Amino acid sequence: MERAGFNRIAARYADGAHLRADLANALLEAASLAPGQRVLDLASGPGLLAGAAALRVAPGGSVLATDIAEGMLAEGARRCGGHDDTPCFAAADAEQLCLADASMDRVLAGLALFIFPQPARALAEMHRVLVPGGRLALSVWAEREHVPLIHRAQDCIARLLPPPKVARPSVFRFGAPQLLEATLTAAGFDDIDIRPCAFACHFDDAEAYWQAFLDLAGGAAEALGRLPEATQQALRAAVIEDLEPHRCDDGRGGYLLPARTLVAVARRPR
């Protein structure tokens, strides 16, 4: 379902990159990229982080962008073009990487850890492919109450639709800094630094907000896309009530939705 969902939204996901630009920049800065480094970008999607990382590790460096959604990777390859500093795109499962031990200087995972069915296994793979002293840089959504950008749509869905037959892991499951630090420590990382990164997204109207949520939602977007059109329209109408606390009063109109994330950097011990 996640693969189908992200393939469905590939182009629109890439088009919405500007909404998360502050987060992407914070993650890239935290990774301390430098020319000549070998970088793995997990759950890369259309290569938004990978493309920027490739410029930072040139000359002499390389970036491998991986994802389970082939359509996302194809979109990324199309947008990056065929320049010398273009990342290499390859379909891969983050929990079973076909890479040699100690083959990467940096691993990036932007808004990804909470998606993996078995995060501990994915972290073990990240640890394995990093060189001793290499660093992992990742971002996750903070705790639910700090991310109206996501939970307003989720609340609307929960109110109008029956629970899913198979519960999806919460996108906020690593939102507590102490839990994220403990998870990274258990995976064998040290020198862990976790910092908040807050941003806000402006939407002209409720329809624009709802579409932006779908453009980010992966498997949830796929499930919602299979609903009858009448049900989809009811969800779009109902979200207006949930957005009322976020009405923009600075003259622009529309809505301003805040979001908080955590950016974590951790090292594979030498």
C-alpha atoms as a PDB file:
ATOM      1  CA  MET A   1       0.000   0.000   0.000  1.00  0.00           C
ATOM      2  CA  GLU A   2       2.846   2.402   0.807  1.00  0.00           C
ATOM      3  CA  ARG A   3       4.589   1.645  -2.492  1.00  0.00           C
ATOM      4  CA  ALA A   4       1.377   2.158  -4.465  1.00  0.00           C
ATOM      5  CA  GLY A   5       0.585   5.346  -2.590  1.00  0.00           C
ATOM      6  CA  PHE A   6       3.959   6.966  -3.116  1.00  0.00           C
ATOM      7  CA  ASN A   7       3.991   5.937  -6.762  1.00  0.00           C
ATOM      8  CA  ARG A   8       0.566   7.585  -7.083  1.00  0.00           C
ATOM      9  CA  ILE A   9       1.742  10.912  -5.658  1.00  0.00           C
ATOM     10  CA  ALA A  10       5.324  11.050  -7.005  1.00  0.00           C
ATOM     11  CA  ALA A  11       5.051  14.188  -9.131  1.00  0.00           C
ATOM     12  CA  ARG A  12       2.880  16.108  -6.679  1.00  0.00           C
ATOM     13  CA  TYR A  13       5.151  15.109  -3.759  1.00  0.00           C
ATOM     14  CA  ALA A  14       8.074  16.642  -5.612  1.00  0.00           C
ATOM     15  CA  ASP A  15       6.045  19.739  -6.497  1.00  0.00           C
ATOM     16  CA  GLY A  16       5.334  20.301  -2.793  1.00  0.00           C
ATOM     17  CA  ALA A  17       9.002  20.311  -1.789  1.00  0.00           C
ATOM     18  CA  HIS A  18       8.948  24.068  -1.131  1.00  0.00           C
ATOM     19  CA  LEU A  19       6.583  23.500   1.805  1.00  0.00           C
ATOM     20  CA  ARG A  20       9.297  21.481   3.599  1.00  0.00           C
ATOM     21  CA  ALA A  21      12.342  23.424   2.417  1.00  0.00           C
ATOM     22  CA  ASP A  22      13.324  24.608   5.904  1.00  0.00           C
ATOM     23  CA  LEU A  23      13.340  21.020   7.167  1.00  0.00           C
ATOM     24  CA  ALA A  24      15.368  19.753   4.204  1.00  0.00           C
ATOM     25  CA  ASN A  25      17.966  22.481   4.728  1.00  0.00           C
ATOM     26  CA  ALA A  26      18.182  21.753   8.461  1.00  0.00           C
ATOM     27  CA  LEU A  27      18.777  18.059   7.803  1.00  0.00           C
ATOM     28  CA  LEU A  28      21.442  18.711   5.176  1.00  0.00           C
ATOM     29  CA  GLU A  29      23.237  21.151   7.472  1.00  0.00           C
ATOM     30  CA  ALA A  30      23.122  18.660  10.345  1.00  0.00           C
ATOM     31  CA  ALA A  31      24.660  15.947   8.156  1.00  0.00           C
ATOM     32  CA  SER A  32      27.887  17.977   7.723  1.00  0.00           C
ATOM     33  CA  LEU A  33      28.349  16.894   4.125  1.00  0.00           C
ATOM     34  CA  ALA A  34      31.678  17.532   2.413  1.00  0.00           C
ATOM     35  CA  PRO A  35      33.277  16.914  -0.986  1.00  0.00           C
ATOM     36  CA  GLY A  36      34.320  13.326  -1.601  1.00  0.00           C
ATOM     37  CA  GLN A  37      31.841  11.684   0.758  1.00  0.00           C
ATOM     38  CA  ARG A  38      29.724   8.671  -0.134  1.00  0.00           C
ATOM     39  CA  VAL A  39      26.104   9.271   0.850  1.00  0.00           C
ATOM     40  CA  LEU A  40      23.089   6.959   1.060  1.00  0.00           C
ATOM     41  CA  ASP A  41      19.659   8.615   1.039  1.00  0.00           C
ATOM     42  CA  LEU A  42      17.012   6.181   2.300  1.00  0.00           C
ATOM     43  CA  ALA A  43      13.326   6.516   1.413  1.00  0.00           C
ATOM     44  CA  SER A  44      14.555   9.152  -1.002  1.00  0.00           C
ATOM     45  CA  GLY A  45      11.298   9.498  -2.922  1.00  0.00           C
ATOM     46  CA  PRO A  46      11.912  11.827  -5.883  1.00  0.00           C
ATOM     47  CA  GLY A  47      15.419  12.590  -4.663  1.00  0.00           C
ATOM     48  CA  LEU A  48      14.769  15.961  -3.054  1.00  0.00           C
ATOM     49  CA  LEU A  49      17.457  15.500  -0.394  1.00  0.00           C
ATOM     50  CA  ALA A  50      19.662  13.395  -2.653  1.00  0.00           C
ATOM     51  CA  GLY A  51      19.866  16.040  -5.368  1.00  0.00           C
ATOM     52  CA  ALA A  52      20.907  18.729  -2.895  1.00  0.00           C
ATOM     53  CA  ALA A  53      23.343  16.363  -1.164  1.00  0.00           C
ATOM     54  CA  ALA A  54      25.016  15.509  -4.464  1.00  0.00           C
ATOM     55  CA  LEU A  55      25.949  19.148  -4.955  1.00  0.00           C
ATOM     56  CA  ARG A  56      27.490  19.281  -1.486  1.00  0.00           C
ATOM     57  CA  VAL A  57      29.699  16.207  -1.911  1.00  0.00           C
ATOM     58  CA  ALA A  58      30.999  17.208  -5.338  1.00  0.00           C
ATOM     59  CA  PRO A  59      33.637  16.902  -6.556  1.00  0.00           C
ATOM     60  CA  GLY A  60      34.582  13.309  -5.918  1.00  0.00           C
ATOM     61  CA  GLY A  61      31.589  12.290  -3.846  1.00  0.00           C
ATOM     62  CA  SER A  62      28.578  10.153  -4.704  1.00  0.00           C
ATOM     63  CA  VAL A  63      24.957   9.871  -3.615  1.00  0.00           C
ATOM     64  CA  LEU A  64      22.814   6.743  -3.848  1.00  0.00           C
ATOM     65  CA  ALA A  65      19.080   7.484  -3.601  1.00  0.00           C
ATOM     66  CA  THR A  66      16.938   4.458  -2.679  1.00  0.00           C
ATOM     67  CA  ASP A  67      13.228   3.871  -2.204  1.00  0.00           C
ATOM     68  CA  ILE A  68      10.706   1.033  -2.544  1.00  0.00           C
ATOM     69  CA  ALA A  69       8.556   3.187  -4.865  1.00  0.00           C
ATOM     70  CA  GLU A  70       9.964   2.898  -8.377  1.00  0.00           C
ATOM     71  CA  GLY A  71       7.733   5.699  -9.650  1.00  0.00           C
ATOM     72  CA  MET A  72       9.203   8.072  -7.079  1.00  0.00           C
ATOM     73  CA  LEU A  73      12.735   7.207  -8.180  1.00  0.00           C
ATOM     74  CA  ALA A  74      11.841   7.660 -11.846  1.00  0.00           C
ATOM     75  CA  GLU A  75      10.406  11.093 -11.029  1.00  0.00           C
ATOM     76  CA  GLY A  76      13.601  11.987  -9.198  1.00  0.00           C
ATOM     77  CA  ALA A  77      15.820  10.823 -12.049  1.00  0.00           C
ATOM     78  CA  ARG A  78      13.736  12.834 -14.512  1.00  0.00           C
ATOM     79  CA  ARG A  79      13.979  16.013 -12.456  1.00  0.00           C
ATOM     80  CA  CYS A  80      17.686  15.687 -11.656  1.00  0.00           C
ATOM     81  CA  GLY A  81      18.712  15.161 -15.266  1.00  0.00           C
ATOM     82  CA  GLY A  82      21.940  13.534 -16.379  1.00  0.00           C
ATOM     83  CA  HIS A  83      24.639  15.797 -14.965  1.00  0.00           C
ATOM     84  CA  ASP A  84      27.897  14.551 -13.459  1.00  0.00           C
ATOM     85  CA  ASP A  85      26.675  15.395  -9.948  1.00  0.00           C
ATOM     86  CA  THR A  86      23.314  13.619 -10.342  1.00  0.00           C
ATOM     87  CA  PRO A  87      22.544  10.957  -7.706  1.00  0.00           C
ATOM     88  CA  CYS A  88      22.278   7.318  -8.649  1.00  0.00           C
ATOM     89  CA  PHE A  89      18.716   6.023  -8.168  1.00  0.00           C
ATOM     90  CA  ALA A  90      18.015   2.409  -7.168  1.00  0.00           C
ATOM     91  CA  ALA A  91      14.962   0.579  -5.821  1.00  0.00           C
ATOM     92  CA  ALA A  92      15.866  -0.937  -2.447  1.00  0.00           C
ATOM     93  CA  ASP A  93      14.332  -1.994   0.854  1.00  0.00           C
ATOM     94  CA  ALA A  94      15.820  -0.037   3.762  1.00  0.00           C
ATOM     95  CA  GLU A  95      15.496  -3.124   5.966  1.00  0.00           C
ATOM     96  CA  GLN A  96      17.533  -5.282   3.553  1.00  0.00           C
ATOM     97  CA  LEU A  97      20.163  -3.176   1.834  1.00  0.00           C
ATOM     98  CA  CYS A  98      22.288  -4.794  -0.865  1.00  0.00           C
ATOM     99  CA  LEU A  99      25.331  -2.742   0.107  1.00  0.00           C
ATOM    100  CA  ALA A 100      28.699  -3.729   1.520  1.00  0.00           C
ATOM    101  CA  ASP A 101      29.567  -3.193   5.159  1.00  0.00           C
ATOM    102  CA  ALA A 102      31.190   0.154   5.944  1.00  0.00           C
ATOM    103  CA  SER A 103      30.605   1.495   2.437  1.00  0.00           C
ATOM    104  CA  MET A 104      28.986   4.874   3.243  1.00  0.00           C
ATOM    105  CA  ASP A 105      30.223   8.002   5.007  1.00  0.00           C
ATOM    106  CA  ARG A 106      26.747   9.418   5.578  1.00  0.00           C
ATOM    107  CA  VAL A 107      23.202   8.052   5.661  1.00  0.00           C
ATOM    108  CA  LEU A 108      20.216  10.385   5.278  1.00  0.00           C
ATOM    109  CA  ALA A 109      16.626   9.463   6.161  1.00  0.00           C
ATOM    110  CA  GLY A 110      14.235  12.399   5.867  1.00  0.00           C
ATOM    111  CA  LEU A 111      10.757  11.791   7.353  1.00  0.00           C
ATOM    112  CA  ALA A 112      11.299   8.070   6.912  1.00  0.00           C
ATOM    113  CA  LEU A 113      11.987   6.153  10.130  1.00  0.00           C
ATOM    114  CA  PHE A 114       8.325   6.019  11.173  1.00  0.00           C
ATOM    115  CA  ILE A 115       7.340   4.539   7.790  1.00  0.00           C
ATOM    116  CA  PHE A 116       9.500   1.436   8.078  1.00  0.00           C
ATOM    117  CA  PRO A 117       7.583  -1.657   9.281  1.00  0.00           C
ATOM    118  CA  GLN A 118      10.585  -2.701  11.400  1.00  0.00           C
ATOM    119  CA  PRO A 119      12.530   0.458  12.293  1.00  0.00           C
ATOM    120  CA  ALA A 120      15.077  -1.454  14.380  1.00  0.00           C
ATOM    121  CA  ARG A 121      16.012  -3.549  11.364  1.00  0.00           C
ATOM    122  CA  ALA A 122      16.354  -0.453   9.179  1.00  0.00           C
ATOM    123  CA  LEU A 123      18.570   1.216  11.787  1.00  0.00           C
ATOM    124  CA  ALA A 124      20.711  -1.916  11.992  1.00  0.00           C
ATOM    125  CA  GLU A 125      21.223  -1.707   8.234  1.00  0.00           C
ATOM    126  CA  MET A 126      22.118   1.976   8.433  1.00  0.00           C
ATOM    127  CA  HIS A 127      24.642   1.174  11.167  1.00  0.00           C
ATOM    128  CA  ARG A 128      26.113  -1.690   9.121  1.00  0.00           C
ATOM    129  CA  VAL A 129      26.700   0.272   5.916  1.00  0.00           C
ATOM    130  CA  LEU A 130      28.251   3.274   7.654  1.00  0.00           C
ATOM    131  CA  VAL A 131      31.998   3.445   8.060  1.00  0.00           C
ATOM    132  CA  PRO A 132      33.193   3.620  11.677  1.00  0.00           C
ATOM    133  CA  GLY A 133      32.813   7.272  12.583  1.00  0.00           C
ATOM    134  CA  GLY A 134      30.234   7.778   9.829  1.00  0.00           C
ATOM    135  CA  ARG A 135      27.054   9.631  10.633  1.00  0.00           C
ATOM    136  CA  LEU A 136      23.321   9.153  10.241  1.00  0.00           C
ATOM    137  CA  ALA A 137      21.148  12.252   9.838  1.00  0.00           C
ATOM    138  CA  LEU A 138      17.382  11.814   9.988  1.00  0.00           C
ATOM    139  CA  SER A 139      14.188  13.719  10.584  1.00  0.00           C
ATOM    140  CA  VAL A 140      10.864  12.634  12.075  1.00  0.00           C
ATOM    141  CA  TRP A 141       7.613  14.354  12.924  1.00  0.00           C
ATOM    142  CA  ALA A 142       7.467  15.575  16.520  1.00  0.00           C
ATOM    143  CA  GLU A 143       4.694  14.580  18.921  1.00  0.00           C
ATOM    144  CA  ARG A 144       1.187  14.766  17.512  1.00  0.00           C
ATOM    145  CA  GLU A 145       0.015  17.920  19.278  1.00  0.00           C
ATOM    146  CA  HIS A 146       2.885  19.851  17.701  1.00  0.00           C
ATOM    147  CA  VAL A 147       2.022  18.864  14.124  1.00  0.00           C
ATOM    148  CA  PRO A 148      -1.401  20.277  13.144  1.00  0.00           C
ATOM    149  CA  LEU A 149      -0.153  20.143   9.555  1.00  0.00           C
ATOM    150  CA  ILE A 150      -0.741  16.394   9.694  1.00  0.00           C
ATOM    151  CA  HIS A 151      -3.102  15.675  12.553  1.00  0.00           C
ATOM    152  CA  ARG A 152      -5.904  17.999  11.421  1.00  0.00           C
ATOM    153  CA  ALA A 153      -6.456  15.822   8.334  1.00  0.00           C
ATOM    154  CA  GLN A 154      -5.975  12.641  10.356  1.00  0.00           C
ATOM    155  CA  ASP A 155      -8.586  13.766  12.901  1.00  0.00           C
ATOM    156  CA  CYS A 156     -11.066  14.393  10.109  1.00  0.00           C
ATOM    157  CA  ILE A 157     -10.444  10.944   8.652  1.00  0.00           C
ATOM    158  CA  ALA A 158     -10.811   9.260  12.043  1.00  0.00           C
ATOM    159  CA  ARG A 159     -14.097  11.063  12.668  1.00  0.00           C
ATOM    160  CA  LEU A 160     -15.749  10.190   9.350  1.00  0.00           C
ATOM    161  CA  LEU A 161     -14.320   6.766   8.467  1.00  0.00           C
ATOM    162  CA  PRO A 162     -14.272   3.420  10.287  1.00  0.00           C
ATOM    163  CA  PRO A 163     -10.917   2.225  11.650  1.00  0.00           C
ATOM    164  CA  PRO A 164      -8.720   0.525   9.027  1.00  0.00           C
ATOM    165  CA  LYS A 165      -8.655  -3.263   9.007  1.00  0.00           C
ATOM    166  CA  VAL A 166      -4.893  -3.131   9.476  1.00  0.00           C
ATOM    167  CA  ALA A 167      -3.671  -0.338  11.724  1.00  0.00           C
ATOM    168  CA  ARG A 168      -0.859   1.753  10.235  1.00  0.00           C
ATOM    169  CA  PRO A 169       2.035   2.778  12.496  1.00  0.00           C
ATOM    170  CA  SER A 170       1.663   6.331  13.758  1.00  0.00           C
ATOM    171  CA  VAL A 171       3.755   8.889  11.921  1.00  0.00           C
ATOM    172  CA  PHE A 172       4.343  10.460  15.350  1.00  0.00           C
ATOM    173  CA  ARG A 173       5.761   7.322  16.997  1.00  0.00           C
ATOM    174  CA  PHE A 174       9.281   8.745  17.279  1.00  0.00           C
ATOM    175  CA  GLY A 175       8.148  12.264  18.128  1.00  0.00           C
ATOM    176  CA  ALA A 176       9.393  12.265  21.734  1.00  0.00           C
ATOM    177  CA  PRO A 177      13.102  13.186  21.800  1.00  0.00           C
ATOM    178  CA  GLN A 178      13.834  10.771  24.651  1.00  0.00           C
ATOM    179  CA  LEU A 179      12.293   7.875  22.743  1.00  0.00           C
ATOM    180  CA  LEU A 180      14.147   8.734  19.547  1.00  0.00           C
ATOM    181  CA  GLU A 181      17.436   8.957  21.442  1.00  0.00           C
ATOM    182  CA  ALA A 182      16.801   5.618  23.160  1.00  0.00           C
ATOM    183  CA  THR A 183      15.982   4.011  19.806  1.00  0.00           C
ATOM    184  CA  LEU A 184      19.208   5.260  18.239  1.00  0.00           C
ATOM    185  CA  THR A 185      21.235   4.175  21.264  1.00  0.00           C
ATOM    186  CA  ALA A 186      19.716   0.694  21.148  1.00  0.00           C
ATOM    187  CA  ALA A 187      20.741   0.481  17.480  1.00  0.00           C
ATOM    188  CA  GLY A 188      24.376   1.025  18.448  1.00  0.00           C
ATOM    189  CA  PHE A 189      24.786   4.722  17.656  1.00  0.00           C
ATOM    190  CA  ASP A 190      26.466   7.271  19.898  1.00  0.00           C
ATOM    191  CA  ASP A 191      27.218  11.003  19.933  1.00  0.00           C
ATOM    192  CA  ILE A 192      23.505  11.613  19.385  1.00  0.00           C
ATOM    193  CA  ASP A 193      22.247  15.155  18.900  1.00  0.00           C
ATOM    194  CA  ILE A 194      18.516  15.852  18.528  1.00  0.00           C
ATOM    195  CA  ARG A 195      17.132  19.294  17.805  1.00  0.00           C
ATOM    196  CA  PRO A 196      13.649  20.609  16.967  1.00  0.00           C
ATOM    197  CA  CYS A 197      12.934  22.147  13.593  1.00  0.00           C
ATOM    198  CA  ALA A 198       9.676  24.089  13.295  1.00  0.00           C
ATOM    199  CA  PHE A 199       8.070  25.472  10.164  1.00  0.00           C
ATOM    200  CA  ALA A 200       4.626  26.485   8.922  1.00  0.00           C
ATOM    201  CA  CYS A 201       2.757  26.065   5.646  1.00  0.00           C
ATOM    202  CA  HIS A 202       0.269  28.550   4.216  1.00  0.00           C
ATOM    203  CA  PHE A 203      -2.734  27.344   2.208  1.00  0.00           C
ATOM    204  CA  ASP A 204      -5.131  29.564   0.310  1.00  0.00           C
ATOM    205  CA  ASP A 205      -8.131  27.426   1.249  1.00  0.00           C
ATOM    206  CA  ALA A 206      -9.171  24.099   2.770  1.00  0.00           C
ATOM    207  CA  GLU A 207      -9.007  22.330  -0.585  1.00  0.00           C
ATOM    208  CA  ALA A 208      -5.353  23.306  -0.982  1.00  0.00           C
ATOM    209  CA  TYR A 209      -4.596  21.992   2.504  1.00  0.00           C
ATOM    210  CA  TRP A 210      -6.355  18.687   1.856  1.00  0.00           C
ATOM    211  CA  GLN A 211      -4.563  18.187  -1.440  1.00  0.00           C
ATOM    212  CA  ALA A 212      -1.213  18.939   0.205  1.00  0.00           C
ATOM    213  CA  PHE A 213      -1.946  16.301   2.849  1.00  0.00           C
ATOM    214  CA  LEU A 214      -2.731  13.731   0.152  1.00  0.00           C
ATOM    215  CA  ASP A 215       0.452  14.709  -1.676  1.00  0.00           C
ATOM    216  CA  LEU A 216       2.456  13.696   1.399  1.00  0.00           C
ATOM    217  CA  ALA A 217       0.486  10.765   2.744  1.00  0.00           C
ATOM    218  CA  GLY A 218       1.753   7.730   0.812  1.00  0.00           C
ATOM    219  CA  GLY A 219      -0.229   4.651   1.804  1.00  0.00           C
ATOM    220  CA  ALA A 220      -2.988   6.746   3.346  1.00  0.00           C
ATOM    221  CA  ALA A 221      -3.351   8.628   0.074  1.00  0.00           C
ATOM    222  CA  GLU A 222      -3.682   5.323  -1.763  1.00  0.00           C
ATOM    223  CA  ALA A 223      -6.394   4.095   0.622  1.00  0.00           C
ATOM    224  CA  LEU A 224      -8.301   7.379   0.429  1.00  0.00           C
ATOM    225  CA  GLY A 225      -8.012   7.396  -3.359  1.00  0.00           C
ATOM    226  CA  ARG A 226      -9.916   4.107  -3.486  1.00  0.00           C
ATOM    227  CA  LEU A 227     -12.914   5.491  -1.573  1.00  0.00           C
ATOM    228  CA  PRO A 228     -16.135   6.468  -3.380  1.00  0.00           C
ATOM    229  CA  GLU A 229     -16.026   9.988  -4.723  1.00  0.00           C
ATOM    230  CA  ALA A 230     -18.876  11.041  -2.438  1.00  0.00           C
ATOM    231  CA  THR A 231     -16.879   9.974   0.616  1.00  0.00           C
ATOM    232  CA  GLN A 232     -13.825  11.837  -0.610  1.00  0.00           C
ATOM    233  CA  GLN A 233     -15.894  14.973  -1.091  1.00  0.00           C
ATOM    234  CA  ALA A 234     -17.334  14.613   2.419  1.00  0.00           C
ATOM    235  CA  LEU A 235     -13.815  14.491   3.860  1.00  0.00           C
ATOM    236  CA  ARG A 236     -12.815  17.602   1.937  1.00  0.00           C
ATOM    237  CA  ALA A 237     -15.863  19.452   3.237  1.00  0.00           C
ATOM    238  CA  ALA A 238     -15.445  18.301   6.833  1.00  0.00           C
ATOM    239  CA  VAL A 239     -11.832  19.410   7.147  1.00  0.00           C
ATOM    240  CA  ILE A 240     -12.896  23.057   6.945  1.00  0.00           C
ATOM    241  CA  GLU A 241     -14.168  22.857  10.545  1.00  0.00           C
ATOM    242  CA  ASP A 242     -10.875  21.359  11.737  1.00  0.00           C
ATOM    243  CA  LEU A 243      -8.892  24.157  10.106  1.00  0.00           C
ATOM    244  CA  GLU A 244     -10.786  27.024  11.729  1.00  0.00           C
ATOM    245  CA  PRO A 245      -8.219  27.491  14.568  1.00  0.00           C
ATOM    246  CA  HIS A 246      -5.553  28.062  11.936  1.00  0.00           C
ATOM    247  CA  ARG A 247      -7.233  30.799   9.938  1.00  0.00           C
ATOM    248  CA  CYS A 248      -4.552  33.222   8.781  1.00  0.00           C
ATOM    249  CA  ASP A 249      -4.997  36.763  10.130  1.00  0.00           C
ATOM    250  CA  ASP A 250      -1.969  38.475   8.601  1.00  0.00           C
ATOM    251  CA  GLY A 251      -3.772  39.720   5.516  1.00  0.00           C
ATOM    252  CA  ARG A 252      -3.077  36.740   3.287  1.00  0.00           C
ATOM    253  CA  GLY A 253      -6.283  34.909   4.139  1.00  0.00           C
ATOM    254  CA  GLY A 254      -6.479  31.145   4.052  1.00  0.00           C
ATOM    255  CA  TYR A 255      -4.842  29.005   6.724  1.00  0.00           C
ATOM    256  CA  LEU A 256      -1.416  28.741   8.358  1.00  0.00           C
ATOM    257  CA  LEU A 257      -0.601  25.243   9.646  1.00  0.00           C
ATOM    258  CA  PRO A 258       2.425  24.796  11.943  1.00  0.00           C
ATOM    259  CA  ALA A 259       4.557  21.688  12.170  1.00  0.00           C
ATOM    260  CA  ARG A 260       7.411  20.609  14.389  1.00  0.00           C
ATOM    261  CA  THR A 261       9.974  17.968  13.513  1.00  0.00           C
ATOM    262  CA  LEU A 262      13.049  16.515  15.158  1.00  0.00           C
ATOM    263  CA  VAL A 263      16.383  16.427  13.339  1.00  0.00           C
ATOM    264  CA  ALA A 264      18.751  13.844  14.767  1.00  0.00           C
ATOM    265  CA  VAL A 265      22.404  13.145  14.036  1.00  0.00           C
ATOM    266  CA  ALA A 266      24.116  10.016  15.361  1.00  0.00           C
ATOM    267  CA  ARG A 267      27.489   8.358  14.834  1.00  0.00           C
ATOM    268  CA  ARG A 268      28.552   4.790  14.272  1.00  0.00           C
ATOM    269  CA  PRO A 269      31.297   4.390  16.895  1.00  0.00           C
ATOM    270  CA  ARG A 270      34.852   4.038  15.651  1.00  0.00           C
END
